[in-house]
Structure formats: structure tokens, C-alpha cells
Amino acid sequence: MSNRIRVAAVADIPPGTAKEVLAGERILAVYHVDGEFYALDGICPHAGGPLGEGTLQGNIVTCPWHGWQFDVTSGQHCLNDHLKHPCFPVTVDGGEVFVELG
């Protein structure tokens, strides 16, 4: 059973930006890229850096602590094909952004 949680208003995450949010007991990073919203686990697997505070260029986020990069649309690490960061389905309803936690 999935758990759909409101994490922000659309207006809270302008295009080309990210927002760190709390969904239940999870820290997530929500990104607004080309009119779509994406959510990744907000904690970088390298050293625990805050991915929601990273630099977003197109669909690539760079962790502010040590520069690890992920494709926010898939969670795929940009240099290591074997490393995929957890991502979560996002829906928008009535100007509100929701994330589904499994």
C-alpha cells in the first residue's frame, strides 16, 4: 500500500529549483524540471549531504558537499552505472505536490 503525502505547493518550487522536504520520517529532495516534478531520497549516499540544497542544472543535481551527481528523473548516478539513488513517484493535484512513499 502506498502512502501519498503532500510535500509542497507548486508555487513553493519554481522551475529549475529544488526543495528539501520532510515526508513522514523521510527527508526528500523535490525538483521542478521542465514543468515536471521529481523526488529523490534527500540524503546523498556518499557522505549524507543534502541533495535538496544541491545545484540543479537541467535534470542533473550536484551534491553540495562532495559533488556527486544524479539524474533527478531516474536517480541514476552520472558516473557509476551501478549506482541508482532511490526516487519516488510525484503527482500534482490542485496546485499541490504529492509524493508516494512505498
N, C-alpha and C. Protein backbone atom coordinates (compact mmCIF):
# COMPACT_ATOMS: atom_id res chain seq x y z
N MET A 1 0.85 -1.19 0.00
CA MET A 1 0.00 0.00 0.00
C MET A 1 0.89 1.24 0.00
N SER A 2 0.63 2.16 -0.92
CA SER A 2 1.44 3.38 -0.98
C SER A 2 0.87 4.44 -0.04
N ASN A 3 1.72 5.36 0.29
CA ASN A 3 1.37 6.43 1.21
C ASN A 3 1.60 7.75 0.48
N ARG A 4 0.53 8.41 0.05
CA ARG A 4 0.61 9.67 -0.69
C ARG A 4 0.65 10.83 0.30
N ILE A 5 1.72 11.63 0.22
CA ILE A 5 1.92 12.70 1.19
C ILE A 5 2.11 14.02 0.46
N ARG A 6 1.39 15.05 0.89
CA ARG A 6 1.58 16.40 0.35
C ARG A 6 2.90 16.93 0.89
N VAL A 7 3.75 17.43 -0.03
CA VAL A 7 5.06 17.91 0.41
C VAL A 7 5.28 19.39 0.14
N ALA A 8 4.49 19.98 -0.77
CA ALA A 8 4.69 21.40 -1.09
C ALA A 8 3.56 21.87 -2.00
N ALA A 9 3.48 23.18 -2.14
CA ALA A 9 2.64 23.78 -3.18
C ALA A 9 3.52 23.93 -4.42
N VAL A 10 2.92 23.86 -5.59
CA VAL A 10 3.66 24.04 -6.83
C VAL A 10 4.46 25.35 -6.78
N ALA A 11 3.84 26.40 -6.26
CA ALA A 11 4.50 27.71 -6.18
C ALA A 11 5.73 27.72 -5.28
N ASP A 12 5.85 26.73 -4.39
CA ASP A 12 7.00 26.65 -3.48
C ASP A 12 8.27 26.16 -4.18
N ILE A 13 8.11 25.58 -5.38
CA ILE A 13 9.26 25.02 -6.10
C ILE A 13 9.24 25.55 -7.53
N PRO A 14 9.78 26.73 -7.74
CA PRO A 14 9.79 27.32 -9.09
C PRO A 14 10.56 26.44 -10.08
N PRO A 15 10.28 26.59 -11.37
CA PRO A 15 11.00 25.81 -12.38
C PRO A 15 12.52 25.97 -12.23
N GLY A 16 13.22 24.84 -12.35
CA GLY A 16 14.68 24.86 -12.27
C GLY A 16 15.23 24.89 -10.87
N THR A 17 14.38 24.62 -9.86
CA THR A 17 14.85 24.65 -8.48
C THR A 17 14.50 23.34 -7.77
N ALA A 18 15.00 23.25 -6.54
CA ALA A 18 14.75 22.09 -5.69
C ALA A 18 14.29 22.57 -4.32
N LYS A 19 13.69 21.66 -3.59
CA LYS A 19 13.27 21.96 -2.23
C LYS A 19 13.46 20.71 -1.38
N GLU A 20 14.08 20.88 -0.23
CA GLU A 20 14.18 19.78 0.72
C GLU A 20 12.89 19.74 1.52
N VAL A 21 12.29 18.54 1.63
CA VAL A 21 11.02 18.40 2.32
C VAL A 21 11.07 17.19 3.25
N LEU A 22 10.17 17.18 4.21
CA LEU A 22 10.01 16.03 5.09
C LEU A 22 8.71 15.35 4.71
N ALA A 23 8.79 14.06 4.39
CA ALA A 23 7.61 13.27 4.03
C ALA A 23 7.55 12.10 5.00
N GLY A 24 6.63 12.17 5.94
CA GLY A 24 6.63 11.18 7.00
C GLY A 24 7.92 11.36 7.79
N GLU A 25 8.72 10.31 7.84
CA GLU A 25 10.00 10.40 8.54
C GLU A 25 11.18 10.45 7.57
N ARG A 26 10.91 10.65 6.29
CA ARG A 26 11.96 10.68 5.27
C ARG A 26 12.27 12.10 4.83
N ILE A 27 13.54 12.37 4.62
CA ILE A 27 13.96 13.63 4.01
C ILE A 27 14.04 13.38 2.51
N LEU A 28 13.32 14.19 1.75
CA LEU A 28 13.31 14.07 0.29
C LEU A 28 13.78 15.37 -0.34
N ALA A 29 14.24 15.25 -1.57
CA ALA A 29 14.55 16.41 -2.39
C ALA A 29 13.58 16.38 -3.56
N VAL A 30 12.82 17.46 -3.73
CA VAL A 30 11.84 17.55 -4.81
C VAL A 30 12.34 18.58 -5.81
N TYR A 31 12.33 18.20 -7.08
CA TYR A 31 12.88 19.03 -8.17
C TYR A 31 11.78 19.38 -9.17
N HIS A 32 11.87 20.59 -9.72
CA HIS A 32 10.93 21.05 -10.76
C HIS A 32 11.76 21.26 -12.03
N VAL A 33 11.60 20.33 -12.98
CA VAL A 33 12.39 20.33 -14.21
C VAL A 33 11.44 20.30 -15.41
N ASP A 34 11.50 21.33 -16.24
CA ASP A 34 10.71 21.38 -17.48
C ASP A 34 9.23 21.08 -17.25
N GLY A 35 8.67 21.67 -16.20
CA GLY A 35 7.24 21.51 -15.93
C GLY A 35 6.86 20.23 -15.21
N GLU A 36 7.82 19.37 -14.93
CA GLU A 36 7.57 18.11 -14.22
C GLU A 36 8.26 18.15 -12.86
N PHE A 37 7.72 17.38 -11.93
CA PHE A 37 8.29 17.29 -10.59
C PHE A 37 8.83 15.89 -10.36
N TYR A 38 9.99 15.83 -9.68
CA TYR A 38 10.66 14.57 -9.38
C TYR A 38 11.11 14.59 -7.92
N ALA A 39 11.17 13.40 -7.32
CA ALA A 39 11.61 13.31 -5.92
C ALA A 39 12.65 12.22 -5.76
N LEU A 40 13.72 12.56 -5.08
CA LEU A 40 14.77 11.62 -4.71
C LEU A 40 14.89 11.59 -3.20
N ASP A 41 15.43 10.49 -2.67
CA ASP A 41 15.84 10.49 -1.28
C ASP A 41 16.75 11.70 -1.11
N GLY A 42 16.54 12.49 -0.08
CA GLY A 42 17.26 13.74 0.08
C GLY A 42 18.65 13.64 0.63
N ILE A 43 19.09 12.43 0.98
CA ILE A 43 20.40 12.25 1.60
C ILE A 43 21.35 11.59 0.59
N CYS A 44 22.41 12.27 0.25
CA CYS A 44 23.39 11.72 -0.69
C CYS A 44 24.02 10.46 -0.10
N PRO A 45 24.13 9.38 -0.88
CA PRO A 45 24.68 8.13 -0.35
C PRO A 45 26.19 8.19 -0.07
N HIS A 46 26.87 9.19 -0.59
CA HIS A 46 28.32 9.27 -0.39
C HIS A 46 28.67 9.62 1.06
N ALA A 47 28.16 10.76 1.52
CA ALA A 47 28.53 11.21 2.88
C ALA A 47 27.37 11.90 3.59
N GLY A 48 26.15 11.69 3.09
CA GLY A 48 24.98 12.24 3.77
C GLY A 48 24.67 13.68 3.46
N GLY A 49 25.21 14.20 2.38
CA GLY A 49 24.95 15.60 2.01
C GLY A 49 23.49 15.83 1.63
N PRO A 50 23.04 17.08 1.72
CA PRO A 50 21.64 17.44 1.45
C PRO A 50 21.39 17.67 -0.05
N LEU A 51 20.86 16.67 -0.74
CA LEU A 51 20.64 16.80 -2.19
C LEU A 51 19.64 17.90 -2.53
N GLY A 52 18.73 18.21 -1.63
CA GLY A 52 17.77 19.29 -1.87
C GLY A 52 18.41 20.67 -1.88
N GLU A 53 19.65 20.76 -1.40
CA GLU A 53 20.39 22.02 -1.41
C GLU A 53 21.44 22.04 -2.51
N GLY A 54 21.45 20.99 -3.34
CA GLY A 54 22.44 20.90 -4.40
C GLY A 54 22.11 21.82 -5.57
N THR A 55 23.07 21.93 -6.48
CA THR A 55 22.90 22.74 -7.68
C THR A 55 22.19 21.90 -8.73
N LEU A 56 21.12 22.46 -9.31
CA LEU A 56 20.35 21.78 -10.34
C LEU A 56 20.62 22.44 -11.67
N GLN A 57 21.16 21.65 -12.61
CA GLN A 57 21.38 22.13 -13.97
C GLN A 57 20.68 21.16 -14.90
N GLY A 58 19.60 21.63 -15.52
CA GLY A 58 18.77 20.73 -16.32
C GLY A 58 18.18 19.69 -15.40
N ASN A 59 18.44 18.42 -15.68
CA ASN A 59 17.91 17.35 -14.84
C ASN A 59 19.00 16.70 -13.97
N ILE A 60 20.14 17.38 -13.82
CA ILE A 60 21.26 16.85 -13.02
C ILE A 60 21.43 17.68 -11.76
N VAL A 61 21.42 16.99 -10.61
CA VAL A 61 21.70 17.66 -9.34
C VAL A 61 23.10 17.28 -8.90
N THR A 62 23.81 18.27 -8.36
CA THR A 62 25.15 18.07 -7.83
C THR A 62 25.10 18.28 -6.32
N CYS A 63 25.50 17.26 -5.58
CA CYS A 63 25.50 17.37 -4.12
C CYS A 63 26.45 18.49 -3.69
N PRO A 64 26.00 19.35 -2.77
CA PRO A 64 26.83 20.49 -2.37
C PRO A 64 28.05 20.10 -1.53
N TRP A 65 28.08 18.90 -1.00
CA TRP A 65 29.20 18.53 -0.14
C TRP A 65 30.41 18.02 -0.92
N HIS A 66 30.22 17.07 -1.82
CA HIS A 66 31.37 16.45 -2.49
C HIS A 66 31.18 16.28 -4.00
N GLY A 67 30.14 16.86 -4.55
CA GLY A 67 29.99 16.90 -6.00
C GLY A 67 29.42 15.67 -6.67
N TRP A 68 28.90 14.72 -5.92
CA TRP A 68 28.26 13.58 -6.57
C TRP A 68 27.07 14.08 -7.37
N GLN A 69 26.84 13.51 -8.55
CA GLN A 69 25.78 13.98 -9.43
C GLN A 69 24.80 12.85 -9.76
N PHE A 70 23.52 13.23 -9.79
CA PHE A 70 22.44 12.29 -10.09
C PHE A 70 21.47 12.90 -11.08
N ASP A 71 20.90 12.05 -11.93
CA ASP A 71 19.80 12.45 -12.81
C ASP A 71 18.54 12.40 -11.96
N VAL A 72 17.89 13.54 -11.76
CA VAL A 72 16.73 13.59 -10.87
C VAL A 72 15.52 12.87 -11.46
N THR A 73 15.51 12.62 -12.76
CA THR A 73 14.38 11.94 -13.38
C THR A 73 14.40 10.44 -13.14
N SER A 74 15.58 9.91 -12.80
CA SER A 74 15.70 8.45 -12.63
C SER A 74 16.45 8.03 -11.38
N GLY A 75 17.20 8.94 -10.77
CA GLY A 75 18.04 8.60 -9.63
C GLY A 75 19.39 8.04 -10.02
N GLN A 76 19.65 7.92 -11.32
CA GLN A 76 20.90 7.33 -11.80
C GLN A 76 22.10 8.24 -11.50
N HIS A 77 23.15 7.66 -10.91
CA HIS A 77 24.40 8.37 -10.69
C HIS A 77 25.01 8.66 -12.06
N CYS A 78 25.62 9.81 -12.22
CA CYS A 78 26.12 10.23 -13.53
C CYS A 78 27.41 9.54 -13.98
N LEU A 79 28.18 8.96 -13.07
CA LEU A 79 29.44 8.31 -13.44
C LEU A 79 29.45 6.80 -13.19
N ASN A 80 28.57 6.32 -12.35
CA ASN A 80 28.57 4.91 -11.96
C ASN A 80 27.25 4.28 -12.37
N ASP A 81 27.27 3.46 -13.41
CA ASP A 81 26.05 2.81 -13.90
C ASP A 81 25.40 1.88 -12.88
N HIS A 82 26.16 1.45 -11.87
CA HIS A 82 25.65 0.51 -10.88
C HIS A 82 25.01 1.21 -9.67
N LEU A 83 25.07 2.53 -9.65
CA LEU A 83 24.55 3.27 -8.50
C LEU A 83 23.30 4.05 -8.91
N LYS A 84 22.18 3.66 -8.32
CA LYS A 84 20.92 4.36 -8.58
C LYS A 84 20.33 4.78 -7.23
N HIS A 85 20.10 6.07 -7.08
CA HIS A 85 19.58 6.61 -5.82
C HIS A 85 18.06 6.44 -5.80
N PRO A 86 17.48 6.16 -4.63
CA PRO A 86 16.03 5.96 -4.56
C PRO A 86 15.25 7.20 -5.02
N CYS A 87 14.25 6.95 -5.87
CA CYS A 87 13.37 8.02 -6.31
C CYS A 87 11.93 7.59 -6.04
N PHE A 88 11.03 8.56 -6.00
CA PHE A 88 9.65 8.32 -5.60
C PHE A 88 8.70 8.98 -6.59
N PRO A 89 7.56 8.33 -6.86
CA PRO A 89 6.57 8.93 -7.76
C PRO A 89 6.02 10.24 -7.20
N VAL A 90 5.83 11.20 -8.11
CA VAL A 90 5.30 12.51 -7.74
C VAL A 90 4.06 12.79 -8.58
N THR A 91 3.04 13.35 -7.94
CA THR A 91 1.85 13.80 -8.65
C THR A 91 1.55 15.23 -8.22
N VAL A 92 0.88 15.94 -9.12
CA VAL A 92 0.43 17.30 -8.83
C VAL A 92 -1.09 17.30 -8.94
N ASP A 93 -1.73 17.85 -7.92
CA ASP A 93 -3.19 17.89 -7.89
C ASP A 93 -3.63 19.20 -7.24
N GLY A 94 -4.36 20.01 -8.01
CA GLY A 94 -4.88 21.26 -7.45
C GLY A 94 -3.80 22.21 -6.96
N GLY A 95 -2.67 22.25 -7.65
CA GLY A 95 -1.59 23.17 -7.25
C GLY A 95 -0.76 22.66 -6.09
N GLU A 96 -0.96 21.41 -5.70
CA GLU A 96 -0.21 20.81 -4.60
C GLU A 96 0.64 19.65 -5.13
N VAL A 97 1.82 19.48 -4.55
CA VAL A 97 2.75 18.43 -4.95
C VAL A 97 2.68 17.30 -3.92
N PHE A 98 2.48 16.08 -4.42
CA PHE A 98 2.39 14.90 -3.56
C PHE A 98 3.46 13.89 -3.96
N VAL A 99 4.01 13.21 -2.96
CA VAL A 99 4.98 12.13 -3.19
C VAL A 99 4.39 10.85 -2.63
N GLU A 100 4.60 9.76 -3.37
CA GLU A 100 4.12 8.46 -2.91
C GLU A 100 5.28 7.67 -2.32
N LEU A 101 5.16 7.35 -1.06
CA LEU A 101 6.16 6.53 -0.40
C LEU A 101 5.62 5.10 -0.34
N GLY A 102 6.47 4.15 -0.68
CA GLY A 102 6.04 2.74 -0.71
C GLY A 102 5.90 2.13 0.64
